[in-house]
Amino acid sequence: MNILTVIANESYDEFAAALQREYQEEGILFGVLDLADFMELVVPDEKGEKNALGLEKAKKIIAFFREREYIDAMGKVQDNLRRDLKQGELSLSEELASCRKEIEAICRRACGRLPIQDARKREKVELNKEVYLSEDFKELWDKIKWKTRYRVVFPRINCWRSAARRWRRSSRLLLRKSFRRGRK
């Protein structure tokens, strides 16, 4: 297993901001909403059929957001959008009210920061056996266990050496036992 240990010569906040700037220099944008974010959004229409929102409605969303000063001319998220999302008061036209949850999810993603976590702030969490042994948990586990993938990584050479050592020990024991039995 490879472990990368980084010894920083800057604060965590400075590191996170610099990393985000590097990503942006490579063309990955943070805190920006544009037409592409909304065009492919799948929502039910009047008949209940699911369709992509499309270019025209995406243009209306962007125009509405600019009008409400949720984004600037370049699509950069403004504090008004962050505030209204936090307070649960995102303004949308009546036409778009049916896809409020989906639009809010896209906006929350754009408002979020790059998820970089400070490993020094990790907390050890104890297993809650009461929940773990409950029938609800067992039912949930029975539903998801088929979708769970397990992966074990270990150095092969160590495994081979350990197996060879054990095999040699067990073969010597078998040989000794059989030799002793033959004498009697």
Protein backbone atom coordinates (compact mmCIF):
# COMPACT_ATOMS: atom_id res chain seq x y z
CA MET A 1 0.00 0.00 0.00
CA ASN A 2 1.28 3.45 -0.85
CA ILE A 3 0.72 6.31 1.57
CA LEU A 4 1.40 9.90 0.62
CA THR A 5 2.34 12.07 3.55
CA VAL A 6 2.34 15.80 2.90
CA ILE A 7 4.22 18.10 5.22
CA ALA A 8 2.77 21.50 4.55
CA ASN A 9 4.62 24.76 4.81
CA GLU A 10 1.32 26.65 4.73
CA SER A 11 -1.95 26.63 6.63
CA TYR A 12 -4.74 24.27 5.69
CA ASP A 13 -6.90 27.11 4.33
CA GLU A 14 -4.02 28.42 2.19
CA PHE A 15 -3.40 24.90 0.88
CA ALA A 16 -7.08 24.36 -0.02
CA ALA A 17 -7.32 27.75 -1.75
CA ALA A 18 -4.11 27.13 -3.73
CA LEU A 19 -5.30 23.67 -4.79
CA GLN A 20 -8.62 25.10 -5.96
CA ARG A 21 -6.78 27.79 -7.96
CA GLU A 22 -4.66 25.09 -9.62
CA TYR A 23 -7.79 23.21 -10.62
CA GLN A 24 -9.30 26.40 -12.04
CA GLU A 25 -6.15 27.08 -14.05
CA GLU A 26 -6.60 23.62 -15.58
CA GLY A 27 -10.15 24.54 -16.64
CA ILE A 28 -12.16 23.04 -13.78
CA LEU A 29 -14.51 25.80 -12.61
CA PHE A 30 -15.85 26.21 -9.10
CA GLY A 31 -18.63 28.55 -8.08
CA VAL A 32 -19.88 29.07 -11.64
CA LEU A 33 -23.29 28.28 -13.15
CA ASP A 34 -23.84 28.11 -16.89
CA LEU A 35 -26.27 26.73 -19.45
CA ALA A 36 -24.69 23.27 -19.47
CA ASP A 37 -25.49 22.84 -15.77
CA PHE A 38 -29.22 23.04 -16.45
CA MET A 39 -29.71 21.85 -20.05
CA GLU A 40 -29.36 18.14 -19.30
CA LEU A 41 -31.37 18.30 -16.07
CA VAL A 42 -34.03 15.57 -16.32
CA VAL A 43 -37.44 16.64 -15.02
CA PRO A 44 -41.02 15.41 -15.50
CA ASP A 45 -43.15 17.40 -17.95
CA GLU A 46 -46.92 18.08 -17.75
CA LYS A 47 -47.67 14.51 -18.90
CA GLY A 48 -45.35 12.99 -16.30
CA GLU A 49 -42.74 11.97 -18.88
CA LYS A 50 -39.13 12.65 -17.97
CA ASN A 51 -37.24 14.90 -20.39
CA ALA A 52 -34.16 17.07 -20.37
CA LEU A 53 -34.87 20.67 -19.43
CA GLY A 54 -33.37 21.90 -22.69
CA LEU A 55 -31.59 25.01 -23.91
CA GLU A 56 -34.53 27.44 -23.75
CA LYS A 57 -35.41 26.73 -20.12
CA ALA A 58 -31.72 26.70 -19.18
CA LYS A 59 -31.42 30.20 -20.72
CA LYS A 60 -34.43 31.32 -18.67
CA ILE A 61 -32.86 30.01 -15.45
CA ILE A 62 -29.55 31.78 -16.15
CA ALA A 63 -31.35 35.02 -17.09
CA PHE A 64 -33.53 34.81 -13.98
CA PHE A 65 -30.48 34.18 -11.79
CA ARG A 66 -28.69 37.19 -13.28
CA GLU A 67 -31.79 39.33 -12.76
CA ARG A 68 -32.00 38.26 -9.10
CA GLU A 69 -28.22 38.85 -8.80
CA TYR A 70 -27.65 35.20 -7.90
CA ILE A 71 -24.86 35.10 -10.50
CA ASP A 72 -22.83 37.77 -12.25
CA ALA A 73 -22.44 38.26 -16.02
CA MET A 74 -19.78 35.50 -16.12
CA GLY A 75 -21.97 33.06 -14.18
CA LYS A 76 -20.00 33.34 -10.93
CA VAL A 77 -22.14 32.53 -7.90
CA GLN A 78 -22.90 35.53 -5.69
CA ASP A 79 -23.61 35.74 -1.96
CA ASN A 80 -27.35 36.32 -2.64
CA LEU A 81 -27.64 32.76 -3.99
CA ARG A 82 -25.69 31.29 -1.08
CA ARG A 83 -27.85 33.19 1.42
CA ASP A 84 -31.18 32.23 -0.18
CA LEU A 85 -30.14 28.57 -0.47
CA LYS A 86 -29.09 28.51 3.16
CA GLN A 87 -32.39 30.07 4.26
CA GLY A 88 -34.44 27.85 1.93
CA GLU A 89 -35.77 30.86 0.05
CA LEU A 90 -34.40 30.34 -3.47
CA SER A 91 -36.57 32.38 -5.85
CA LEU A 92 -37.71 30.63 -9.01
CA SER A 93 -40.28 31.52 -11.63
CA GLU A 94 -43.57 29.60 -11.51
CA GLU A 95 -42.60 27.78 -14.69
CA LEU A 96 -39.56 26.29 -12.93
CA ALA A 97 -41.15 25.59 -9.56
CA SER A 98 -41.78 21.94 -10.51
CA CYS A 99 -38.03 21.25 -10.67
CA ARG A 100 -37.04 23.25 -7.60
CA LYS A 101 -35.23 20.36 -5.84
CA GLU A 102 -33.09 19.57 -8.88
CA ILE A 103 -32.19 23.23 -9.49
CA GLU A 104 -31.35 23.73 -5.81
CA ALA A 105 -29.08 20.66 -5.88
CA ILE A 106 -27.15 22.08 -8.85
CA CYS A 107 -26.88 25.47 -7.14
CA ARG A 108 -25.66 23.90 -3.88
CA ARG A 109 -22.96 22.02 -5.79
CA ALA A 110 -21.83 25.25 -7.47
CA CYS A 111 -21.81 27.11 -4.16
CA GLY A 112 -19.77 24.46 -2.40
CA ARG A 113 -16.05 24.49 -2.02
CA LEU A 114 -13.63 21.85 -3.15
CA PRO A 115 -14.02 19.05 -0.59
CA ILE A 116 -10.56 18.98 0.98
CA GLN A 117 -10.55 17.67 4.51
CA ASP A 118 -8.02 18.33 7.21
CA ALA A 119 -6.82 14.90 8.39
CA ARG A 120 -5.74 16.37 11.73
CA LYS A 121 -9.40 17.02 12.55
CA ARG A 122 -10.52 13.40 12.17
CA GLU A 123 -12.46 11.96 15.05
CA LYS A 124 -12.67 8.34 16.06
CA VAL A 125 -16.25 7.11 15.93
CA GLU A 126 -17.34 4.22 18.11
CA LEU A 127 -19.61 1.54 16.65
CA ASN A 128 -23.16 1.88 17.94
CA LYS A 129 -23.96 -1.80 18.46
CA GLU A 130 -27.60 -1.05 19.20
CA VAL A 131 -28.06 0.30 15.67
CA TYR A 132 -25.74 -2.28 14.13
CA LEU A 133 -27.71 -5.20 15.58
CA SER A 134 -31.17 -3.74 14.91
CA GLU A 135 -33.62 -5.34 12.49
CA ASP A 136 -33.77 -2.11 10.44
CA PHE A 137 -30.03 -2.23 9.85
CA LYS A 138 -30.15 -5.92 8.92
CA GLU A 139 -32.93 -5.18 6.44
CA LEU A 140 -30.91 -2.31 4.94
CA TRP A 141 -27.79 -4.47 4.76
CA ASP A 142 -29.70 -7.24 2.96
CA LYS A 143 -30.71 -4.68 0.31
CA ILE A 144 -27.30 -3.12 -0.27
CA LYS A 145 -24.86 -5.96 0.34
CA TRP A 146 -25.17 -7.15 -3.25
CA LYS A 147 -24.05 -3.74 -4.49
CA THR A 148 -21.10 -3.51 -2.12
CA ARG A 149 -17.62 -4.19 -3.44
CA TYR A 150 -14.78 -5.26 -1.24
CA ARG A 151 -11.18 -4.85 -2.16
CA VAL A 152 -8.24 -6.20 -0.25
CA VAL A 153 -4.76 -5.10 -1.18
CA PHE A 154 -1.73 -6.79 0.29
CA PRO A 155 1.84 -7.36 -0.86
CA ARG A 156 1.98 -10.71 -2.69
CA ILE A 157 5.57 -11.49 -1.76
CA ASN A 158 4.75 -11.34 1.98
CA CYS A 159 1.77 -13.59 1.41
CA TRP A 160 3.87 -16.15 -0.48
CA ARG A 161 6.59 -16.14 2.18
CA SER A 162 4.07 -16.60 4.96
CA ALA A 163 2.32 -19.45 3.11
CA ALA A 164 5.65 -21.17 2.39
CA ARG A 165 6.71 -20.89 6.05
CA ARG A 166 3.41 -22.36 7.24
CA TRP A 167 3.55 -25.14 4.65
CA ARG A 168 7.12 -26.06 5.71
CA ARG A 169 6.09 -26.17 9.38
CA SER A 170 3.00 -28.28 8.72
CA SER A 171 4.84 -30.67 6.38
CA ARG A 172 7.56 -31.21 9.03
CA LEU A 173 4.90 -31.98 11.63
CA LEU A 174 3.16 -34.44 9.32
CA LEU A 175 6.47 -36.09 8.50
CA ARG A 176 7.40 -36.41 12.20
CA LYS A 177 3.99 -37.83 13.11
CA SER A 178 4.10 -40.41 10.35
CA PHE A 179 7.69 -41.37 11.22
CA ARG A 180 6.81 -41.86 14.87
CA ARG A 181 3.78 -43.98 13.99
CA GLY A 182 5.91 -46.17 11.73
CA ARG A 183 8.32 -47.01 14.62
CA LYS A 184 5.66 -48.33 16.94
